[in-house]
């Protein structure tokens, strides 16, 4: 069952499918940048 959640397209930063396989390259880059910014913010708050 856990295998079904794996990302086959390689676009998911978490390794689990989050539906990014259908995004254009431009939309993918924008979402990836936003994701990375959120992760950096979380890391800053946790420190």
PDB file of N, CA and C in Angstrom:
ATOM      1  N   UNK A   1       0.820  -1.193   0.000  1.00  0.00           N
ATOM      2  CA  UNK A   1       0.000   0.000   0.000  1.00  0.00           C
ATOM      3  C   UNK A   1       0.865   1.258   0.000  1.00  0.00           C
ATOM      4  N   UNK A   2       1.953   1.252   0.737  1.00  0.00           N
ATOM      5  CA  UNK A   2       2.820   2.422   0.793  1.00  0.00           C
ATOM      6  C   UNK A   2       3.453   2.709  -0.559  1.00  0.00           C
ATOM      7  N   UNK A   3       3.619   1.696  -1.386  1.00  0.00           N
ATOM      8  CA  UNK A   3       4.214   1.879  -2.702  1.00  0.00           C
ATOM      9  C   UNK A   3       3.343   2.756  -3.594  1.00  0.00           C
ATOM     10  N   UNK A   4       2.048   2.766  -3.388  1.00  0.00           N
ATOM     11  CA  UNK A   4       1.133   3.536  -4.220  1.00  0.00           C
ATOM     12  C   UNK A   4       1.358   5.040  -4.058  1.00  0.00           C
ATOM     13  N   UNK A   5       1.907   5.455  -2.949  1.00  0.00           N
ATOM     14  CA  UNK A   5       2.122   6.874  -2.697  1.00  0.00           C
ATOM     15  C   UNK A   5       3.447   7.389  -3.237  1.00  0.00           C
ATOM     16  N   UNK A   6       4.299   6.493  -3.728  1.00  0.00           N
ATOM     17  CA  UNK A   6       5.597   6.925  -4.234  1.00  0.00           C
ATOM     18  C   UNK A   6       5.425   7.710  -5.524  1.00  0.00           C
ATOM     19  N   UNK A   7       6.310   8.659  -5.732  1.00  0.00           N
ATOM     20  CA  UNK A   7       6.270   9.508  -6.921  1.00  0.00           C
ATOM     21  C   UNK A   7       7.083   8.854  -8.033  1.00  0.00           C
ATOM     22  N   UNK A   8       6.440   8.575  -9.136  1.00  0.00           N
ATOM     23  CA  UNK A   8       7.134   7.957 -10.257  1.00  0.00           C
ATOM     24  C   UNK A   8       7.750   8.958 -11.214  1.00  0.00           C
ATOM     25  N   UNK A   9       7.303  10.203 -11.181  1.00  0.00           N
ATOM     26  CA  UNK A   9       7.806  11.189 -12.140  1.00  0.00           C
ATOM     27  C   UNK A   9       9.057  11.901 -11.625  1.00  0.00           C
ATOM     28  N   UNK A  10       9.325  11.797 -10.335  1.00  0.00           N
ATOM     29  CA  UNK A  10      10.517  12.414  -9.766  1.00  0.00           C
ATOM     30  C   UNK A  10      10.379  13.889  -9.440  1.00  0.00           C
ATOM     31  N   UNK A  11       9.190  14.431  -9.556  1.00  0.00           N
ATOM     32  CA  UNK A  11       9.008  15.863  -9.297  1.00  0.00           C
ATOM     33  C   UNK A  11       8.676  16.173  -7.850  1.00  0.00           C
ATOM     34  N   UNK A  12       8.242  15.208  -7.102  1.00  0.00           N
ATOM     35  CA  UNK A  12       7.843  15.460  -5.721  1.00  0.00           C
ATOM     36  C   UNK A  12       9.063  15.614  -4.826  1.00  0.00           C
ATOM     37  N   UNK A  13       9.176  16.724  -4.121  1.00  0.00           N
ATOM     38  CA  UNK A  13      10.326  16.914  -3.236  1.00  0.00           C
ATOM     39  C   UNK A  13      10.299  15.991  -2.022  1.00  0.00           C
ATOM     40  N   UNK A  14       9.130  15.477  -1.679  1.00  0.00           N
ATOM     41  CA  UNK A  14       9.022  14.598  -0.518  1.00  0.00           C
ATOM     42  C   UNK A  14       9.160  13.125  -0.882  1.00  0.00           C
ATOM     43  N   UNK A  15       9.099  12.815  -2.178  1.00  0.00           N
ATOM     44  CA  UNK A  15       9.171  11.425  -2.604  1.00  0.00           C
ATOM     45  C   UNK A  15       7.808  10.756  -2.707  1.00  0.00           C
ATOM     46  N   UNK A  16       6.793  11.390  -2.150  1.00  0.00           N
ATOM     47  CA  UNK A  16       5.427  10.887  -2.245  1.00  0.00           C
ATOM     48  C   UNK A  16       4.675  11.701  -3.287  1.00  0.00           C
ATOM     49  N   UNK A  17       3.801  11.037  -4.027  1.00  0.00           N
ATOM     50  CA  UNK A  17       3.074  11.720  -5.088  1.00  0.00           C
ATOM     51  C   UNK A  17       2.176  12.809  -4.510  1.00  0.00           C
ATOM     52  N   UNK A  18       2.369  14.032  -5.020  1.00  0.00           N
ATOM     53  CA  UNK A  18       1.533  15.161  -4.607  1.00  0.00           C
ATOM     54  C   UNK A  18       0.872  15.817  -5.814  1.00  0.00           C
ATOM     55  N   UNK A  19       0.871  15.101  -6.948  1.00  0.00           N
ATOM     56  CA  UNK A  19       0.160  15.556  -8.131  1.00  0.00           C
ATOM     57  C   UNK A  19       0.907  16.539  -9.008  1.00  0.00           C
ATOM     58  N   UNK A  20       2.195  16.678  -8.830  1.00  0.00           N
ATOM     59  CA  UNK A  20       2.958  17.649  -9.608  1.00  0.00           C
ATOM     60  C   UNK A  20       3.308  17.137 -10.997  1.00  0.00           C
ATOM     61  N   UNK A  21       3.017  15.880 -11.302  1.00  0.00           N
ATOM     62  CA  UNK A  21       3.375  15.319 -12.599  1.00  0.00           C
ATOM     63  C   UNK A  21       2.639  15.997 -13.750  1.00  0.00           C
ATOM     64  N   UNK A  22       1.507  16.626 -13.482  1.00  0.00           N
ATOM     65  CA  UNK A  22       0.734  17.279 -14.519  1.00  0.00           C
ATOM     66  C   UNK A  22       1.064  18.751 -14.719  1.00  0.00           C
ATOM     67  N   UNK A  23       2.000  19.280 -13.954  1.00  0.00           N
ATOM     68  CA  UNK A  23       2.340  20.706 -14.054  1.00  0.00           C
ATOM     69  C   UNK A  23       3.263  20.973 -15.239  1.00  0.00           C
ATOM     70  N   UNK A  24       3.123  22.162 -15.809  1.00  0.00           N
ATOM     71  CA  UNK A  24       4.088  22.579 -16.819  1.00  0.00           C
ATOM     72  C   UNK A  24       5.416  22.819 -16.101  1.00  0.00           C
ATOM     73  N   UNK A  25       6.496  22.913 -16.851  1.00  0.00           N
ATOM     74  CA  UNK A  25       7.811  23.127 -16.245  1.00  0.00           C
ATOM     75  C   UNK A  25       7.837  24.439 -15.464  1.00  0.00           C
ATOM     76  N   UNK A  26       7.215  25.477 -16.009  1.00  0.00           N
ATOM     77  CA  UNK A  26       7.177  26.779 -15.347  1.00  0.00           C
ATOM     78  C   UNK A  26       6.413  26.695 -14.021  1.00  0.00           C
ATOM     79  N   UNK A  27       5.245  26.063 -14.041  1.00  0.00           N
ATOM     80  CA  UNK A  27       4.455  25.905 -12.811  1.00  0.00           C
ATOM     81  C   UNK A  27       5.192  25.034 -11.793  1.00  0.00           C
ATOM     82  N   UNK A  28       5.860  23.998 -12.284  1.00  0.00           N
ATOM     83  CA  UNK A  28       6.629  23.131 -11.395  1.00  0.00           C
ATOM     84  C   UNK A  28       7.725  23.920 -10.684  1.00  0.00           C
ATOM     85  N   UNK A  29       8.459  24.739 -11.418  1.00  0.00           N
ATOM     86  CA  UNK A  29       9.540  25.524 -10.832  1.00  0.00           C
ATOM     87  C   UNK A  29       9.004  26.501  -9.784  1.00  0.00           C
ATOM     88  N   UNK A  30       7.852  27.106 -10.058  1.00  0.00           N
ATOM     89  CA  UNK A  30       7.247  28.034  -9.101  1.00  0.00           C
ATOM     90  C   UNK A  30       6.824  27.319  -7.827  1.00  0.00           C
ATOM     91  N   UNK A  31       6.191  26.176  -7.976  1.00  0.00           N
ATOM     92  CA  UNK A  31       5.753  25.433  -6.786  1.00  0.00           C
ATOM     93  C   UNK A  31       6.931  24.889  -5.994  1.00  0.00           C
ATOM     94  N   UNK A  32       7.964  24.453  -6.705  1.00  0.00           N
ATOM     95  CA  UNK A  32       9.155  23.952  -6.028  1.00  0.00           C
ATOM     96  C   UNK A  32       9.818  25.060  -5.220  1.00  0.00           C
ATOM     97  N   UNK A  33       9.917  26.251  -5.796  1.00  0.00           N
ATOM     98  CA  UNK A  33      10.516  27.385  -5.082  1.00  0.00           C
ATOM     99  C   UNK A  33       9.687  27.729  -3.849  1.00  0.00           C
ATOM    100  N   UNK A  34       8.357  27.711  -3.965  1.00  0.00           N
ATOM    101  CA  UNK A  34       7.485  28.004  -2.831  1.00  0.00           C
ATOM    102  C   UNK A  34       7.634  26.927  -1.758  1.00  0.00           C
ATOM    103  N   UNK A  35       7.710  25.674  -2.167  1.00  0.00           N
ATOM    104  CA  UNK A  35       7.890  24.563  -1.230  1.00  0.00           C
ATOM    105  C   UNK A  35       9.204  24.721  -0.465  1.00  0.00           C
ATOM    106  N   UNK A  36      10.273  25.022  -1.198  1.00  0.00           N
ATOM    107  CA  UNK A  36      11.579  25.169  -0.566  1.00  0.00           C
ATOM    108  C   UNK A  36      11.602  26.353   0.398  1.00  0.00           C
ATOM    109  N   UNK A  37      10.904  27.424   0.052  1.00  0.00           N
ATOM    110  CA  UNK A  37      10.828  28.580   0.945  1.00  0.00           C
ATOM    111  C   UNK A  37      10.085  28.214   2.231  1.00  0.00           C
ATOM    112  N   UNK A  38       9.003  27.455   2.113  1.00  0.00           N
ATOM    113  CA  UNK A  38       8.266  27.021   3.302  1.00  0.00           C
ATOM    114  C   UNK A  38       9.124  26.120   4.177  1.00  0.00           C
ATOM    115  N   UNK A  39       9.881  25.226   3.566  1.00  0.00           N
ATOM    116  CA  UNK A  39      10.741  24.323   4.320  1.00  0.00           C
ATOM    117  C   UNK A  39      11.832  25.108   5.054  1.00  0.00           C
ATOM    118  N   UNK A  40      12.392  26.102   4.396  1.00  0.00           N
ATOM    119  CA  UNK A  40      13.427  26.935   5.025  1.00  0.00           C
ATOM    120  C   UNK A  40      12.839  27.714   6.194  1.00  0.00           C
ATOM    121  N   UNK A  41      11.619  28.207   6.016  1.00  0.00           N
ATOM    122  CA  UNK A  41      10.955  28.941   7.090  1.00  0.00           C
ATOM    123  C   UNK A  41      10.688  28.039   8.301  1.00  0.00           C
ATOM    124  N   UNK A  42      10.258  26.812   8.023  1.00  0.00           N
ATOM    125  CA  UNK A  42      10.026  25.851   9.107  1.00  0.00           C
ATOM    126  C   UNK A  42      11.316  25.555   9.851  1.00  0.00           C
ATOM    127  N   UNK A  43      12.405  25.390   9.101  1.00  0.00           N
ATOM    128  CA  UNK A  43      13.689  25.088   9.717  1.00  0.00           C
ATOM    129  C   UNK A  43      14.160  26.257  10.578  1.00  0.00           C
ATOM    130  N   UNK A  44      13.906  27.468  10.136  1.00  0.00           N
ATOM    131  CA  UNK A  44      14.309  28.648  10.893  1.00  0.00           C
ATOM    132  C   UNK A  44      13.507  28.753  12.195  1.00  0.00           C
ATOM    133  N   UNK A  45      12.221  28.455  12.129  1.00  0.00           N
ATOM    134  CA  UNK A  45      11.379  28.503  13.316  1.00  0.00           C
ATOM    135  C   UNK A  45      11.744  27.418  14.309  1.00  0.00           C
ATOM    136  N   UNK A  46      12.157  26.264  13.819  1.00  0.00           N
ATOM    137  CA  UNK A  46      12.497  25.138  14.681  1.00  0.00           C
ATOM    138  C   UNK A  46      13.846  25.343  15.375  1.00  0.00           C
ATOM    139  N   UNK A  47      14.682  26.169  14.798  1.00  0.00           N
ATOM    140  CA  UNK A  47      16.032  26.353  15.359  1.00  0.00           C
ATOM    141  C   UNK A  47      16.043  27.316  16.512  1.00  0.00           C
TER     142      UNK A  47
END
